[in-house]
Amino acid sequence: MADKKKPTPKLDELEKGPWPSFVKEIKKSAETNVATQDLLGILERSYNDKIGHWKHGGIVGVKGYGGGIIGRYNDIPQEYPEIAEFHTIRVNQPAGWFYTSDALRTLCDIWEKHGSGLTNMHGSTGDIIFLGTKTTELEPIFSELTEAGFDLGGSGSDMRTPSACCGMARCEWACYDTMALAYDLTMTFQDELHRPAFPYKFKFKMAGCPNDCVASIARADMSIIGTWRDNIQINKDEVTAYASGGKRDIARDVVGKCPSKCMGWDGKNLTIDDSNCVRCMHCINVMPKALAPGKDRGVTILIGSKAPIIEGALLSSVLVPFLKMEPPYDDLKELVHAIWELWSENGKNRERVGEFIQRIGLSNFLEQIGLEPVPEMISQPRTNPYIFYDVKKG
């Protein structure tokens, strides 16, 4: 296959430096795969022409599934025939991204047999990403994945694959079982996951604590973030150890950086005004042996974030300040169904839930889904005095 190789001077530049290079990895695959040889060629061509040579392929699917496969075609197939079709497959990842080596080897064997061998572990949605295969290989890949115990993830205008941090499996700060919820939502909403019927995509991301290690507050239509509603637990002996050890300046590193200024330190005793705590986790992160989340734990549900595609980036806003998160999660599912019903009926094409709420107004949205407004939903007091509202009588 060496005779098909062509010079790639611009790509060669991307291999230089101390950082990992995707070009180096593609070149490894190109030693044995003709598709990735053409991929190198068209990428070099794109840098020379200063335009991308990929066109959107629409929805490509397997029998019975509308989601999980993203169509990709290049616009000069006569020059790069091996990647005339280069579809991307999303595979539903295990909760918390835990694998055995056998499972990973099985996935790689299937993909090297039927596709380019290139993977992305993991995409921004959370899935295992298989990069590049032909239409004729889709059904065989799906069949072998299913036999191995894997399923396709979400793509298109459907519920995307729920993703979660490792939660209670490895993290002492987890306030609920993120992996259990991710599995439950995946199994409950199979139809919504595989058969696109929404105005646009809908993402769940589950973070076990306010550190939000899955970046749910920036990337999820519904962020489910672990929290607590009682007092932060304080181990006074460990606070003393931090203070006497000289590794922490509690006044500067902890109290001085509290965003709500709810902490005090007199040189011996640490105090916290928990009624003003915003659960930012900073003090807990700085002194993990001395402080811990409270014992009355649950989640805060936020809604509406997305990356900047149509209307610009949005961060999630609080929808439910506190909810106990225990199986079978009926309260959460009832809320989700109410949101989906309203959005599906009234949302515009390619309009995310956050954009939909901006368009119709939060008050209208809350009224339609049956939630009462609470102060936590508002980031700042209104500045426009020309707003009128009805006072309920009785």
Protein backbone atom coordinates (compact mmCIF):
# COMPACT_ATOMS: atom_id res chain seq x y z
CA MET A 1 0.00 0.00 0.00
CA ALA A 2 3.01 2.27 0.20
CA ASP A 3 2.64 3.20 -3.50
CA LYS A 4 -0.60 5.14 -2.73
CA LYS A 5 1.09 7.39 -0.22
CA LYS A 6 1.47 11.01 -1.26
CA PRO A 7 3.46 13.80 0.35
CA THR A 8 1.61 15.65 3.12
CA PRO A 9 3.88 18.54 4.10
CA LYS A 10 1.19 20.55 5.91
CA LEU A 11 0.03 17.56 7.94
CA ASP A 12 3.65 16.74 8.74
CA GLU A 13 3.87 20.10 10.53
CA LEU A 14 1.10 18.96 12.87
CA GLU A 15 3.26 16.09 14.08
CA LYS A 16 5.91 18.43 15.43
CA GLY A 17 6.06 19.54 19.04
CA PRO A 18 5.66 17.80 22.40
CA TRP A 19 1.87 17.35 22.22
CA PRO A 20 -0.01 14.29 20.89
CA SER A 21 -0.83 14.44 17.18
CA PHE A 22 -3.97 13.10 15.50
CA VAL A 23 -1.98 13.05 12.24
CA LYS A 24 0.48 10.56 13.72
CA GLU A 25 -2.39 8.27 14.70
CA ILE A 26 -4.04 8.47 11.27
CA LYS A 27 -0.70 7.65 9.63
CA LYS A 28 -0.42 4.53 11.80
CA SER A 29 -3.81 3.37 10.53
CA ALA A 30 -2.89 4.26 6.95
CA GLU A 31 -0.17 1.61 6.98
CA THR A 32 -2.87 -1.05 6.60
CA ASN A 33 -6.08 0.81 5.67
CA VAL A 34 -6.73 2.38 2.27
CA ALA A 35 -9.56 4.55 3.60
CA THR A 36 -7.26 6.37 5.99
CA GLN A 37 -4.73 6.84 3.19
CA ASP A 38 -7.40 8.76 1.27
CA LEU A 39 -8.33 10.57 4.48
CA LEU A 40 -4.79 11.92 4.78
CA GLY A 41 -4.94 13.01 1.16
CA ILE A 42 -8.20 14.91 1.41
CA LEU A 43 -7.13 16.57 4.66
CA GLU A 44 -3.93 17.82 3.05
CA ARG A 45 -6.03 18.96 0.07
CA SER A 46 -8.34 20.87 2.42
CA TYR A 47 -5.42 22.78 3.93
CA ASN A 48 -4.14 23.64 0.45
CA ASP A 49 -7.55 24.67 -0.91
CA LYS A 50 -8.51 26.40 2.36
CA ILE A 51 -11.95 24.81 2.29
CA GLY A 52 -13.38 21.64 3.78
CA HIS A 53 -14.23 18.87 1.34
CA TRP A 54 -16.90 17.17 3.46
CA LYS A 55 -20.58 17.72 2.84
CA HIS A 56 -23.39 16.90 5.24
CA GLY A 57 -24.80 13.47 4.51
CA GLY A 58 -28.12 13.78 6.30
CA ILE A 59 -29.45 10.84 8.25
CA VAL A 60 -28.13 7.38 7.48
CA GLY A 61 -29.46 4.52 9.56
CA VAL A 62 -29.84 0.82 10.08
CA LYS A 63 -33.13 -1.02 9.90
CA GLY A 64 -35.45 0.16 12.67
CA TYR A 65 -33.10 2.90 13.93
CA GLY A 66 -33.18 6.50 12.78
CA GLY A 67 -30.39 7.60 15.11
CA GLY A 68 -26.85 6.50 15.88
CA ILE A 69 -25.22 7.00 12.48
CA ILE A 70 -24.10 10.31 10.98
CA GLY A 71 -23.84 10.43 7.20
CA ARG A 72 -20.59 11.77 5.79
CA TYR A 73 -19.61 12.13 2.11
CA ASN A 74 -16.78 14.01 0.42
CA ASP A 75 -17.40 16.36 -2.52
CA ILE A 76 -14.61 14.99 -4.74
CA PRO A 77 -15.26 11.22 -4.62
CA GLN A 78 -13.60 10.66 -8.00
CA GLU A 79 -10.27 11.69 -6.45
CA TYR A 80 -10.77 10.01 -3.07
CA PRO A 81 -13.01 7.00 -3.80
CA GLU A 82 -12.14 5.06 -0.63
CA ILE A 83 -13.81 7.75 1.48
CA ALA A 84 -16.62 8.70 -0.88
CA GLU A 85 -18.71 7.50 2.05
CA PHE A 86 -17.18 7.99 5.50
CA HIS A 87 -20.04 7.60 7.96
CA THR A 88 -19.62 8.15 11.70
CA ILE A 89 -21.16 5.65 14.12
CA ARG A 90 -22.04 6.48 17.71
CA VAL A 91 -21.95 3.56 20.12
CA ASN A 92 -23.69 3.83 23.48
CA GLN A 93 -20.95 4.01 26.09
CA PRO A 94 -21.16 2.21 29.45
CA ALA A 95 -22.15 4.41 32.40
CA GLY A 96 -19.14 6.17 33.87
CA TRP A 97 -17.00 5.00 30.91
CA PHE A 98 -15.89 1.80 32.63
CA TYR A 99 -14.63 -0.95 30.31
CA THR A 100 -12.92 -4.27 30.55
CA SER A 101 -9.95 -4.80 28.23
CA ASP A 102 -11.92 -7.58 26.53
CA ALA A 103 -14.78 -5.20 25.76
CA LEU A 104 -12.41 -2.65 24.25
CA ARG A 105 -10.69 -5.30 22.17
CA THR A 106 -14.06 -6.54 20.91
CA LEU A 107 -15.04 -3.03 19.83
CA CYS A 108 -11.72 -2.47 18.06
CA ASP A 109 -11.88 -5.83 16.29
CA ILE A 110 -15.36 -5.04 14.94
CA TRP A 111 -14.29 -1.62 13.79
CA GLU A 112 -11.05 -2.68 12.11
CA LYS A 113 -13.00 -5.36 10.26
CA HIS A 114 -15.70 -3.04 8.94
CA GLY A 115 -14.36 0.53 9.10
CA SER A 116 -11.35 2.81 9.14
CA GLY A 117 -10.11 1.72 12.57
CA LEU A 118 -10.14 5.34 13.76
CA THR A 119 -12.00 6.06 17.00
CA ASN A 120 -12.78 9.00 19.25
CA MET A 121 -12.99 7.99 22.91
CA HIS A 122 -15.24 9.86 23.65
CA GLY A 123 -17.20 12.44 21.69
CA SER A 124 -18.70 15.53 23.31
CA THR A 125 -21.98 13.67 23.67
CA GLY A 126 -20.12 10.93 25.54
CA ASP A 127 -20.42 8.12 23.03
CA ILE A 128 -17.76 5.83 21.65
CA ILE A 129 -17.19 7.28 18.16
CA PHE A 130 -16.32 5.10 15.16
CA LEU A 131 -14.97 7.42 12.44
CA GLY A 132 -15.49 6.35 8.85
CA THR A 133 -17.18 3.45 7.10
CA LYS A 134 -19.23 2.69 3.98
CA THR A 135 -23.01 2.35 3.80
CA THR A 136 -22.75 -1.36 2.98
CA GLU A 137 -20.93 -1.99 6.27
CA LEU A 138 -23.54 -0.39 8.54
CA GLU A 139 -25.83 -3.38 9.00
CA PRO A 140 -22.93 -5.83 9.64
CA ILE A 141 -21.43 -3.46 12.21
CA PHE A 142 -24.77 -3.04 13.97
CA SER A 143 -25.33 -6.79 14.00
CA GLU A 144 -21.92 -7.54 15.52
CA LEU A 145 -22.19 -4.72 18.06
CA THR A 146 -25.57 -6.04 19.19
CA GLU A 147 -24.22 -9.57 19.48
CA ALA A 148 -21.36 -8.24 21.62
CA GLY A 149 -23.80 -6.44 23.95
CA PHE A 150 -23.42 -2.89 22.61
CA ASP A 151 -26.05 -0.60 21.13
CA LEU A 152 -25.98 2.48 18.92
CA GLY A 153 -26.10 5.87 20.60
CA GLY A 154 -28.25 8.85 19.69
CA SER A 155 -27.81 11.22 16.75
CA GLY A 156 -30.04 13.60 14.87
CA SER A 157 -33.12 15.19 16.44
CA ASP A 158 -33.52 12.71 19.26
CA MET A 159 -32.47 12.14 22.83
CA ARG A 160 -28.70 11.85 22.76
CA THR A 161 -26.90 9.16 24.72
CA PRO A 162 -27.07 10.02 28.44
CA SER A 163 -23.63 10.43 29.97
CA ALA A 164 -22.52 10.54 33.57
CA CYS A 165 -19.42 10.96 35.69
CA CYS A 166 -18.17 7.92 37.61
CA GLY A 167 -20.21 9.05 40.61
CA MET A 168 -20.26 6.76 43.61
CA ALA A 169 -18.05 4.23 41.84
CA ARG A 170 -14.92 6.29 42.53
CA CYS A 171 -15.82 9.74 43.86
CA GLU A 172 -16.36 10.48 47.53
CA TRP A 173 -18.26 13.70 46.74
CA ALA A 174 -21.01 12.06 44.67
CA CYS A 175 -24.39 13.06 46.10
CA TYR A 176 -26.37 10.49 44.10
CA ASP A 177 -25.75 7.42 41.95
CA THR A 178 -25.05 8.98 38.55
CA MET A 179 -24.33 5.69 36.83
CA ALA A 180 -27.59 4.11 37.99
CA LEU A 181 -29.57 7.09 36.69
CA ALA A 182 -27.72 7.09 33.35
CA TYR A 183 -28.53 3.41 32.89
CA ASP A 184 -32.16 3.89 33.90
CA LEU A 185 -32.73 6.81 31.53
CA THR A 186 -31.03 4.94 28.70
CA MET A 187 -33.29 1.92 29.16
CA THR A 188 -36.47 3.94 29.79
CA PHE A 189 -36.15 6.21 26.77
CA GLN A 190 -35.05 3.70 24.12
CA ASP A 191 -37.59 4.93 21.59
CA GLU A 192 -36.61 8.57 22.05
CA LEU A 193 -32.93 7.58 21.78
CA HIS A 194 -33.13 5.66 18.53
CA ARG A 195 -36.02 7.23 16.58
CA PRO A 196 -35.65 11.00 16.05
CA ALA A 197 -38.95 12.78 16.72
CA PHE A 198 -37.90 16.03 18.45
CA PRO A 199 -37.41 19.52 16.99
CA TYR A 200 -33.69 19.03 17.64
CA LYS A 201 -31.30 17.16 19.94
CA PHE A 202 -31.83 16.73 23.68
CA LYS A 203 -28.93 15.85 25.99
CA PHE A 204 -28.91 14.54 29.54
CA LYS A 205 -25.67 14.83 31.51
CA MET A 206 -25.32 13.69 35.10
CA ALA A 207 -22.75 15.10 37.51
CA GLY A 208 -22.49 13.64 40.99
CA CYS A 209 -21.54 16.91 42.68
CA PRO A 210 -21.24 20.64 41.87
CA ASN A 211 -17.72 20.12 40.50
CA ASP A 212 -19.62 18.99 37.37
CA CYS A 213 -16.88 16.84 35.86
CA VAL A 214 -19.01 16.11 32.75
CA ALA A 215 -19.45 19.87 32.00
CA SER A 216 -23.21 19.40 32.07
CA ILE A 217 -23.92 23.05 32.82
CA ALA A 218 -22.43 24.05 29.46
CA ARG A 219 -23.42 21.13 27.21
CA ALA A 220 -26.66 19.52 28.39
CA ASP A 221 -30.25 20.43 27.68
CA MET A 222 -30.95 18.93 31.11
CA SER A 223 -28.16 19.01 33.68
CA ILE A 224 -28.66 16.81 36.74
CA ILE A 225 -26.08 17.93 39.30
CA GLY A 226 -25.66 16.40 42.74
CA THR A 227 -26.06 18.72 45.73
CA TRP A 228 -27.13 18.83 49.38
CA ARG A 229 -29.56 20.98 51.37
CA ASP A 230 -28.26 20.71 54.93
CA ASN A 231 -24.97 21.93 56.41
CA ILE A 232 -21.48 21.19 55.13
CA GLN A 233 -19.88 18.58 57.37
CA ILE A 234 -16.89 19.92 59.30
CA ASN A 235 -14.17 17.81 60.91
CA LYS A 236 -12.64 20.25 63.39
CA ASP A 237 -9.55 18.12 64.04
CA GLU A 238 -8.72 18.04 60.33
CA VAL A 239 -9.30 21.81 60.05
CA THR A 240 -6.74 22.25 62.83
CA ALA A 241 -4.36 19.90 61.04
CA TYR A 242 -4.62 21.92 57.82
CA ALA A 243 -4.02 25.15 59.74
CA SER A 244 -1.06 23.85 61.74
CA GLY A 245 0.51 21.98 58.84
CA GLY A 246 1.28 25.17 56.97
CA LYS A 247 0.05 23.78 53.63
CA ARG A 248 -3.13 25.86 53.68
CA ASP A 249 -3.64 29.49 54.58
CA ILE A 250 -7.29 29.06 55.55
CA ALA A 251 -8.00 32.79 55.70
CA ARG A 252 -6.54 33.36 52.24
CA ASP A 253 -7.10 30.09 50.37
CA VAL A 254 -10.52 29.14 51.74
CA VAL A 255 -12.39 31.97 53.45
CA GLY A 256 -11.02 34.69 51.19
CA LYS A 257 -12.09 32.85 48.03
CA CYS A 258 -15.61 31.96 49.11
CA PRO A 259 -17.84 33.57 46.41
CA SER A 260 -20.73 34.27 48.81
CA LYS A 261 -18.49 35.30 51.73
CA CYS A 262 -20.33 32.87 54.00
CA MET A 263 -17.25 31.57 55.85
CA GLY A 264 -15.29 32.86 58.82
CA TRP A 265 -11.95 31.95 60.44
CA ASP A 266 -10.67 33.34 63.71
CA GLY A 267 -7.42 31.39 63.72
CA LYS A 268 -8.91 28.44 65.59
CA ASN A 269 -12.51 27.91 64.51
CA LEU A 270 -13.98 27.69 61.01
CA THR A 271 -17.60 28.82 60.68
CA ILE A 272 -19.97 28.51 57.72
CA ASP A 273 -23.25 30.35 57.22
CA ASP A 274 -24.84 27.49 55.28
CA SER A 275 -27.96 29.53 54.49
CA ASN A 276 -25.82 31.65 52.15
CA CYS A 277 -23.65 28.83 50.77
CA VAL A 278 -23.95 28.44 46.99
CA ARG A 279 -22.48 24.90 46.94
CA CYS A 280 -19.51 25.90 44.77
CA MET A 281 -17.34 23.12 46.29
CA HIS A 282 -14.24 25.36 46.53
CA CYS A 283 -13.73 24.94 50.27
CA ILE A 284 -14.32 21.19 50.05
CA ASN A 285 -11.86 20.86 47.18
CA VAL A 286 -9.17 22.80 49.08
CA MET A 287 -9.65 20.93 52.37
CA PRO A 288 -11.10 17.52 51.42
CA LYS A 289 -10.20 15.88 54.74
CA ALA A 290 -11.83 18.63 56.79
CA LEU A 291 -15.00 19.37 54.84
CA ALA A 292 -17.59 17.27 53.04
CA PRO A 293 -21.04 17.73 51.45
CA GLY A 294 -24.00 17.57 53.81
CA LYS A 295 -25.87 14.34 54.50
CA ASP A 296 -29.26 15.34 53.03
CA ARG A 297 -28.32 14.81 49.42
CA GLY A 298 -30.12 15.01 46.09
CA VAL A 299 -29.81 16.96 42.84
CA THR A 300 -30.39 20.33 41.30
CA ILE A 301 -31.98 20.09 37.85
CA LEU A 302 -30.96 22.73 35.35
CA ILE A 303 -32.14 23.24 31.80
CA GLY A 304 -31.21 24.88 28.54
CA SER A 305 -27.47 24.85 27.85
CA LYS A 306 -25.93 24.32 24.43
CA ALA A 307 -22.91 25.12 22.29
CA PRO A 308 -22.99 28.09 19.86
CA ILE A 309 -24.66 26.79 16.69
CA ILE A 310 -27.78 28.84 15.93
CA GLU A 311 -28.38 31.48 18.61
CA GLY A 312 -25.06 31.33 20.48
CA ALA A 313 -23.89 29.50 23.59
CA LEU A 314 -26.16 29.12 26.61
CA LEU A 315 -25.46 27.90 30.14
CA SER A 316 -28.06 25.87 32.01
CA SER A 317 -30.49 27.66 34.33
CA VAL A 318 -31.96 26.22 37.52
CA LEU A 319 -35.30 24.52 36.98
CA VAL A 320 -35.69 22.47 40.18
CA PRO A 321 -33.47 23.62 43.08
CA PHE A 322 -33.57 20.31 44.96
CA LEU A 323 -34.96 16.86 44.26
CA LYS A 324 -34.24 13.54 45.92
CA MET A 325 -32.83 11.21 43.26
CA GLU A 326 -33.88 7.66 44.06
CA PRO A 327 -35.23 4.83 41.86
CA PRO A 328 -37.56 4.64 40.00
CA TYR A 329 -37.03 8.40 39.42
CA ASP A 330 -40.73 8.99 38.70
CA ASP A 331 -40.66 12.72 39.54
CA LEU A 332 -37.80 13.32 37.12
CA LYS A 333 -39.42 11.31 34.33
CA GLU A 334 -42.74 13.10 34.78
CA LEU A 335 -40.93 16.44 34.43
CA VAL A 336 -39.05 15.23 31.34
CA HIS A 337 -42.25 14.05 29.65
CA ALA A 338 -43.94 17.41 30.31
CA ILE A 339 -40.98 19.30 28.80
CA TRP A 340 -40.77 17.04 25.76
CA GLU A 341 -44.50 17.27 25.09
CA LEU A 342 -44.50 21.08 25.13
CA TRP A 343 -41.26 21.45 23.17
CA SER A 344 -42.17 18.81 20.55
CA GLU A 345 -45.54 20.44 19.94
CA ASN A 346 -44.33 24.04 19.76
CA GLY A 347 -40.59 24.04 19.06
CA LYS A 348 -39.20 25.17 15.72
CA ASN A 349 -36.98 22.99 13.58
CA ARG A 350 -33.44 22.87 15.01
CA GLU A 351 -34.51 24.84 18.10
CA ARG A 352 -32.98 23.56 21.34
CA VAL A 353 -34.97 23.63 24.56
CA GLY A 354 -32.98 26.61 25.90
CA GLU A 355 -33.74 28.62 22.77
CA PHE A 356 -37.37 27.58 22.98
CA ILE A 357 -37.59 28.89 26.57
CA GLN A 358 -35.98 32.18 25.50
CA ARG A 359 -38.54 32.55 22.71
CA ILE A 360 -41.73 31.84 24.67
CA GLY A 361 -40.53 33.19 28.02
CA LEU A 362 -39.75 31.37 31.24
CA SER A 363 -43.11 32.19 32.82
CA ASN A 364 -45.04 30.66 29.92
CA PHE A 365 -42.77 27.62 29.93
CA LEU A 366 -43.23 27.02 33.65
CA GLU A 367 -46.99 27.42 33.40
CA GLN A 368 -47.24 24.90 30.60
CA ILE A 369 -45.15 22.22 32.31
CA GLY A 370 -46.84 22.75 35.67
CA LEU A 371 -43.96 24.14 37.75
CA GLU A 372 -44.20 27.04 40.19
CA PRO A 373 -41.54 29.74 39.82
CA VAL A 374 -38.95 29.95 42.61
CA PRO A 375 -36.19 32.52 43.26
CA GLU A 376 -33.41 30.09 42.28
CA MET A 377 -34.58 30.25 38.67
CA ILE A 378 -33.54 33.89 38.40
CA SER A 379 -29.89 34.87 37.98
CA GLN A 380 -30.44 38.56 38.80
CA PRO A 381 -33.32 40.94 39.57
CA ARG A 382 -35.13 42.36 36.55
CA THR A 383 -34.02 45.78 35.30
CA ASN A 384 -37.09 46.55 33.16
CA PRO A 385 -39.89 48.09 35.30
CA TYR A 386 -42.50 47.76 32.56
CA ILE A 387 -43.55 44.25 33.46
CA PHE A 388 -47.04 43.57 34.73
CA TYR A 389 -48.37 40.48 36.42
CA ASP A 390 -51.60 39.30 37.96
CA VAL A 391 -51.86 38.82 41.71
CA LYS A 392 -53.74 35.61 42.42
CA LYS A 393 -56.76 36.15 44.63
CA GLY A 394 -57.86 33.89 47.44
